[in-house]
Amino acid sequence: MGFIRGFDCKPLPTTENPLFKLLYDSIKEGNETNGIVFPALRVNRLDFYCGGGVLLEYNGSSFKRNPAYSEEIKNKLDSEGQTSKRPISEEAYHERHAKDFMSNYSNFINENRYHFGKRGQPQERQYLERLYPYTYKGDSFPEVCVLDIEIRFNVDGSQKKCDMLLFNSEKSEIMFVEGKIYADDRMTCGVDDRPPKVIDQITEYTNIIKKYSHTIEEQYTRYISIMSQLIFGIACEKKLKLIPAVKLLVYETPKAEDITNKPQYRNRRNLIKKVEQAGIGSLWIETRKSHEYSLVDIWEKLRNG
């Protein structure tokens, strides 16, 4: 299929649709402390993320929800011998659950939070979600914002996903960013001090975006135009330039003296050095200091790294 972002020949939802009005209000009114909904454009589909996963999706004619996030209806489907992996329409949901999506909207948000928060450990997604609310808060895109998330490239047989795409509206530049927490298994150098797996991951992503840079720039030009119409109600045309390297954003980085002296970090003592030697631009944010970095700060440090 290739890398595509678009919504061809299908009407975008408007706030005249009561369910979209709920989503729209959550998008505009969300902040870092409550349930933010973040819209992302796919191929003739809009995904509305919340709490770590897709809350609802819209295909041009109806909304759907993944029943795997709703334990009650998942169990009912399983008991009927039906799949519980495919998104279910509002009509089918109503038949089995005696409720529509509107009346269950708040419950869906709680289900997402529970489903994606089961592990109870700090994950990079929880940090990245704090960056999402600023994108659509105003009347147009801010100076720097998160434009897309959970990006599947769909090229050369790759189904892997990059965490997010940052957009600098003043410079008309876009930049892919992979997020990690320092304790991630892919960040260890091992007992033999081998390169961490994250280097191969970032290198693979960078090779993909370099190869398909023109396509990516074209598709996100469409993306910006469509999302501006959907959320801001305005036309917005930007000729984009892609930063041709995927960057690494790391949270919960221990203090340098702890990395050097504490035994639990013995397999990661050369981690930062190895990432730098691989030529990967990165930003390492210390534990409990994420609030000190704005999106503009993150952009500038990664862009110049």
Protein backbone atom coordinates (compact mmCIF):
# COMPACT_ATOMS: atom_id res chain seq x y z
CA MET A 1 0.00 0.00 0.00
CA GLY A 2 2.83 2.41 0.79
CA PHE A 3 2.79 5.38 3.13
CA ILE A 4 -0.52 7.22 2.76
CA ARG A 5 -2.34 9.86 4.76
CA GLY A 6 -5.66 10.96 3.34
CA PHE A 7 -9.43 11.06 3.49
CA ASP A 8 -10.52 10.85 -0.14
CA CYS A 9 -14.11 11.01 -1.36
CA LYS A 10 -15.57 10.82 2.13
CA PRO A 11 -17.04 13.62 4.26
CA LEU A 12 -15.17 14.70 7.35
CA PRO A 13 -17.26 14.60 10.53
CA THR A 14 -18.57 17.90 11.87
CA THR A 15 -19.72 19.03 15.30
CA GLU A 16 -23.30 18.57 14.08
CA ASN A 17 -22.64 14.90 14.72
CA PRO A 18 -23.22 14.51 18.50
CA LEU A 19 -20.54 11.87 18.96
CA PHE A 20 -17.92 13.86 17.08
CA LYS A 21 -18.93 16.89 19.17
CA LEU A 22 -17.94 14.91 22.31
CA LEU A 23 -14.61 13.99 20.73
CA TYR A 24 -14.05 17.54 19.49
CA ASP A 25 -14.65 18.99 22.96
CA SER A 26 -12.21 16.47 24.45
CA ILE A 27 -9.61 17.41 21.84
CA LYS A 28 -9.97 21.14 22.42
CA GLU A 29 -10.40 21.12 26.18
CA GLY A 30 -7.94 18.39 27.12
CA ASN A 31 -4.78 19.10 29.03
CA GLU A 32 -1.93 17.15 30.58
CA THR A 33 -3.94 16.25 33.69
CA ASN A 34 -7.19 14.86 32.26
CA GLY A 35 -8.42 12.59 29.47
CA ILE A 36 -7.04 14.06 26.30
CA VAL A 37 -8.29 12.82 22.95
CA PHE A 38 -5.83 13.10 20.07
CA PRO A 39 -6.98 12.69 16.45
CA ALA A 40 -4.73 11.02 13.89
CA LEU A 41 -5.37 10.64 10.16
CA ARG A 42 -4.78 7.27 8.52
CA VAL A 43 -5.92 5.95 5.10
CA ASN A 44 -9.52 7.09 4.75
CA ARG A 45 -9.89 6.75 8.51
CA LEU A 46 -9.56 8.93 11.58
CA ASP A 47 -8.29 7.37 14.79
CA PHE A 48 -9.11 9.15 18.05
CA TYR A 49 -6.56 8.19 20.70
CA CYS A 50 -7.07 8.36 24.44
CA GLY A 51 -5.35 6.78 27.42
CA GLY A 52 -2.77 4.94 25.34
CA GLY A 53 -4.82 3.56 22.46
CA VAL A 54 -7.60 4.22 19.97
CA LEU A 55 -10.80 5.30 21.68
CA LEU A 56 -12.93 5.41 18.51
CA GLU A 57 -12.27 5.33 14.78
CA TYR A 58 -14.24 6.99 12.00
CA ASN A 59 -14.31 5.65 8.43
CA GLY A 60 -16.32 8.34 6.70
CA SER A 61 -19.75 6.95 7.48
CA SER A 62 -19.70 5.60 11.04
CA PHE A 63 -17.73 5.31 14.25
CA LYS A 64 -16.28 2.03 15.51
CA ARG A 65 -14.67 0.81 18.71
CA ASN A 66 -12.25 -2.03 19.38
CA PRO A 67 -14.15 -4.45 21.68
CA ALA A 68 -10.87 -5.80 23.08
CA TYR A 69 -10.71 -2.69 25.28
CA SER A 70 -14.19 -3.34 26.72
CA GLU A 71 -14.03 -6.46 28.84
CA GLU A 72 -17.79 -6.96 29.11
CA ILE A 73 -18.50 -6.94 25.40
CA LYS A 74 -15.26 -8.81 24.61
CA ASN A 75 -16.37 -11.65 26.86
CA LYS A 76 -19.83 -11.64 25.28
CA LEU A 77 -18.39 -11.86 21.79
CA ASP A 78 -16.04 -14.65 22.83
CA SER A 79 -18.91 -16.60 24.38
CA GLU A 80 -20.76 -16.33 21.07
CA GLY A 81 -17.76 -17.73 19.22
CA GLN A 82 -17.13 -14.45 17.40
CA THR A 83 -13.91 -12.53 17.00
CA SER A 84 -13.29 -9.77 19.52
CA LYS A 85 -10.32 -8.31 17.68
CA ARG A 86 -12.02 -6.31 14.93
CA PRO A 87 -13.55 -2.89 15.62
CA ILE A 88 -17.27 -3.12 16.22
CA SER A 89 -19.83 -0.67 14.81
CA GLU A 90 -22.13 1.36 17.02
CA GLU A 91 -25.12 -0.58 15.72
CA ALA A 92 -23.59 -3.96 16.62
CA TYR A 93 -22.45 -2.58 19.96
CA HIS A 94 -25.99 -1.43 20.74
CA GLU A 95 -27.43 -4.85 19.89
CA ARG A 96 -25.15 -6.62 22.34
CA HIS A 97 -24.76 -3.96 25.00
CA ALA A 98 -28.08 -2.06 24.95
CA LYS A 99 -26.14 1.21 24.96
CA ASP A 100 -24.89 3.52 22.25
CA PHE A 101 -21.45 5.11 22.02
CA MET A 102 -22.76 8.47 23.22
CA SER A 103 -24.06 7.19 26.55
CA ASN A 104 -20.94 5.09 27.10
CA TYR A 105 -18.37 7.71 26.06
CA SER A 106 -16.98 8.37 29.54
CA ASN A 107 -16.85 4.67 30.24
CA PHE A 108 -14.85 4.12 27.05
CA ILE A 109 -12.25 6.60 28.29
CA ASN A 110 -11.95 4.72 31.59
CA GLU A 111 -11.74 1.39 29.75
CA ASN A 112 -8.86 2.67 27.64
CA ARG A 113 -7.01 3.95 30.69
CA TYR A 114 -7.46 0.62 32.42
CA HIS A 115 -6.59 -1.51 29.39
CA PHE A 116 -3.38 0.36 28.56
CA GLY A 117 -2.41 1.06 32.17
CA LYS A 118 -2.51 -2.54 33.41
CA ARG A 119 1.24 -2.94 33.61
CA GLY A 120 1.51 -0.20 36.20
CA GLN A 121 5.06 0.69 35.18
CA PRO A 122 6.10 4.09 33.84
CA GLN A 123 6.10 3.77 30.06
CA GLU A 124 7.27 6.23 27.42
CA ARG A 125 3.69 6.52 26.13
CA GLN A 126 2.59 8.12 29.39
CA TYR A 127 5.23 10.81 28.98
CA LEU A 128 4.56 11.36 25.29
CA GLU A 129 0.83 11.77 25.95
CA ARG A 130 1.60 14.86 27.99
CA LEU A 131 2.81 16.51 24.79
CA TYR A 132 -0.36 15.85 22.77
CA PRO A 133 -2.81 18.42 24.22
CA TYR A 134 -1.08 21.48 22.79
CA THR A 135 -1.57 20.58 19.11
CA TYR A 136 -5.23 21.56 18.74
CA LYS A 137 -5.73 23.72 21.81
CA GLY A 138 -5.79 27.05 19.96
CA ASP A 139 -7.15 28.33 16.66
CA SER A 140 -4.21 27.05 14.59
CA PHE A 141 -1.12 24.90 14.98
CA PRO A 142 1.32 26.27 17.60
CA GLU A 143 5.01 26.86 16.88
CA VAL A 144 5.90 23.23 17.69
CA CYS A 145 3.44 20.41 18.22
CA VAL A 146 2.86 16.68 17.89
CA LEU A 147 1.34 16.12 14.45
CA ASP A 148 1.00 12.34 14.30
CA ILE A 149 1.52 9.37 16.63
CA GLU A 150 1.95 5.59 16.41
CA ILE A 151 3.14 5.94 12.81
CA ARG A 152 3.23 2.71 10.83
CA PHE A 153 5.34 3.16 7.70
CA ASN A 154 3.81 0.32 5.61
CA VAL A 155 6.74 0.23 3.19
CA ASP A 156 9.26 -2.46 2.23
CA GLY A 157 7.35 -4.98 4.31
CA SER A 158 7.89 -3.02 7.52
CA GLN A 159 4.98 -2.93 9.97
CA LYS A 160 6.95 -1.24 12.73
CA LYS A 161 5.72 1.98 14.28
CA CYS A 162 7.51 5.19 15.22
CA ASP A 163 6.13 6.96 18.27
CA MET A 164 5.47 10.45 16.98
CA LEU A 165 6.02 13.15 14.39
CA LEU A 166 6.78 16.70 15.52
CA PHE A 167 5.79 19.68 13.40
CA ASN A 168 7.42 23.11 13.47
CA SER A 169 4.77 25.35 11.94
CA GLU A 170 7.07 28.38 11.68
CA LYS A 171 9.79 26.53 9.78
CA SER A 172 7.42 24.10 8.02
CA GLU A 173 9.60 21.20 9.14
CA ILE A 174 8.61 17.75 10.38
CA MET A 175 10.72 15.40 12.50
CA PHE A 176 10.18 11.78 13.54
CA VAL A 177 10.88 10.96 17.18
CA GLU A 178 11.09 7.60 18.94
CA GLY A 179 10.41 7.73 22.68
CA LYS A 180 11.90 5.42 25.29
CA ILE A 181 12.33 5.20 29.02
CA TYR A 182 15.87 4.58 30.20
CA ALA A 183 14.94 1.20 31.71
CA ASP A 184 13.57 -0.18 28.42
CA ASP A 185 15.07 -3.58 27.54
CA ARG A 186 16.10 -2.21 24.14
CA MET A 187 18.33 0.30 25.91
CA THR A 188 20.71 -2.20 27.54
CA CYS A 189 24.22 -2.86 26.30
CA GLY A 190 24.37 -6.31 27.90
CA VAL A 191 27.20 -7.95 29.79
CA ASP A 192 29.38 -7.88 26.66
CA ASP A 193 28.81 -4.14 26.17
CA ARG A 194 27.22 -4.68 22.74
CA PRO A 195 25.32 -1.86 21.01
CA PRO A 196 21.76 -1.54 22.37
CA LYS A 197 18.89 -2.67 20.15
CA VAL A 198 17.51 0.85 20.02
CA ILE A 199 20.35 1.81 17.66
CA ASP A 200 19.23 -0.74 15.06
CA GLN A 201 15.63 0.41 15.52
CA ILE A 202 16.43 4.10 14.96
CA THR A 203 18.76 3.27 12.05
CA GLU A 204 16.05 1.20 10.34
CA TYR A 205 13.50 4.00 10.73
CA THR A 206 15.97 6.60 9.44
CA ASN A 207 16.73 4.52 6.34
CA ILE A 208 12.99 4.27 5.62
CA ILE A 209 12.26 7.99 5.92
CA LYS A 210 15.29 8.91 3.81
CA LYS A 211 14.19 6.54 1.06
CA TYR A 212 10.60 7.79 1.08
CA SER A 213 11.20 11.41 2.10
CA HIS A 214 9.34 12.93 -0.87
CA THR A 215 6.29 10.71 -0.30
CA ILE A 216 6.29 11.49 3.42
CA GLU A 217 6.47 15.23 2.77
CA GLU A 218 3.60 15.03 0.28
CA GLN A 219 1.39 12.93 2.53
CA TYR A 220 1.87 15.14 5.56
CA THR A 221 1.13 18.21 3.48
CA ARG A 222 -2.26 16.58 2.84
CA TYR A 223 -2.49 15.61 6.51
CA ILE A 224 -2.06 19.21 7.69
CA SER A 225 -4.65 20.47 5.21
CA ILE A 226 -7.25 17.89 6.27
CA MET A 227 -6.66 18.22 10.02
CA SER A 228 -6.77 22.02 9.81
CA GLN A 229 -10.16 21.77 8.16
CA LEU A 230 -11.38 19.16 10.66
CA ILE A 231 -10.33 20.87 13.92
CA PHE A 232 -9.65 24.53 13.14
CA GLY A 233 -12.14 24.98 10.32
CA ILE A 234 -9.54 26.76 8.20
CA ALA A 235 -7.47 26.08 5.10
CA CYS A 236 -3.79 25.51 5.77
CA GLU A 237 -1.25 24.76 3.06
CA LYS A 238 2.33 24.07 4.07
CA LYS A 239 5.15 22.88 1.85
CA LEU A 240 6.97 20.66 4.29
CA LYS A 241 10.60 19.74 4.72
CA LEU A 242 11.41 16.45 6.44
CA ILE A 243 14.34 16.27 8.87
CA PRO A 244 16.07 13.18 7.38
CA ALA A 245 16.91 11.45 10.65
CA VAL A 246 14.79 9.87 13.36
CA LYS A 247 15.60 11.24 16.80
CA LEU A 248 15.60 9.54 20.21
CA LEU A 249 13.83 11.03 23.24
CA VAL A 250 14.61 9.26 26.52
CA TYR A 251 12.75 9.77 29.81
CA GLU A 252 13.65 8.70 33.35
CA THR A 253 17.37 9.01 32.73
CA PRO A 254 19.29 8.57 36.02
CA LYS A 255 21.83 11.12 37.16
CA ALA A 256 25.30 10.65 35.68
CA GLU A 257 26.84 9.73 39.04
CA ASP A 258 24.17 7.06 39.59
CA ILE A 259 24.84 5.53 36.18
CA THR A 260 28.52 5.37 37.05
CA ASN A 261 28.24 4.08 40.61
CA LYS A 262 25.05 2.07 41.02
CA PRO A 263 25.19 -1.64 40.09
CA GLN A 264 21.72 -1.74 38.50
CA TYR A 265 23.07 0.41 35.66
CA ARG A 266 26.21 -1.62 34.92
CA ASN A 267 24.81 -2.83 31.58
CA ARG A 268 23.91 0.72 30.51
CA ARG A 269 26.96 2.73 31.52
CA ASN A 270 28.06 3.21 27.91
CA LEU A 271 24.53 3.59 26.55
CA ILE A 272 24.60 7.34 25.92
CA LYS A 273 28.10 7.11 24.44
CA LYS A 274 27.07 4.33 22.04
CA VAL A 275 24.00 6.25 20.87
CA GLU A 276 26.16 9.31 20.21
CA GLN A 277 28.78 7.22 18.38
CA ALA A 278 26.02 5.87 16.13
CA GLY A 279 25.27 9.45 15.09
CA ILE A 280 21.75 9.45 16.54
CA GLY A 281 20.43 12.78 17.76
CA SER A 282 19.03 12.32 21.24
CA LEU A 283 17.72 14.05 24.33
CA TRP A 284 18.06 12.41 27.74
CA ILE A 285 15.63 13.79 30.32
CA GLU A 286 16.37 13.03 33.96
CA THR A 287 13.81 11.47 36.25
CA ARG A 288 11.26 14.00 37.56
CA LYS A 289 12.49 16.72 35.18
CA SER A 290 10.17 16.18 32.22
CA HIS A 291 8.13 19.23 33.23
CA GLU A 292 11.17 21.43 32.57
CA TYR A 293 11.06 20.78 28.82
CA SER A 294 8.57 22.46 26.50
CA LEU A 295 7.91 21.16 23.02
CA VAL A 296 10.01 24.01 21.64
CA ASP A 297 12.88 22.93 23.92
CA ILE A 298 12.54 19.32 22.79
CA TRP A 299 12.44 20.34 19.13
CA GLU A 300 15.52 22.56 19.36
CA LYS A 301 17.62 20.04 21.28
CA LEU A 302 16.69 17.14 18.99
CA ARG A 303 16.86 19.23 15.77
CA ASN A 304 20.37 20.36 16.57
CA GLY A 305 21.50 17.08 18.13
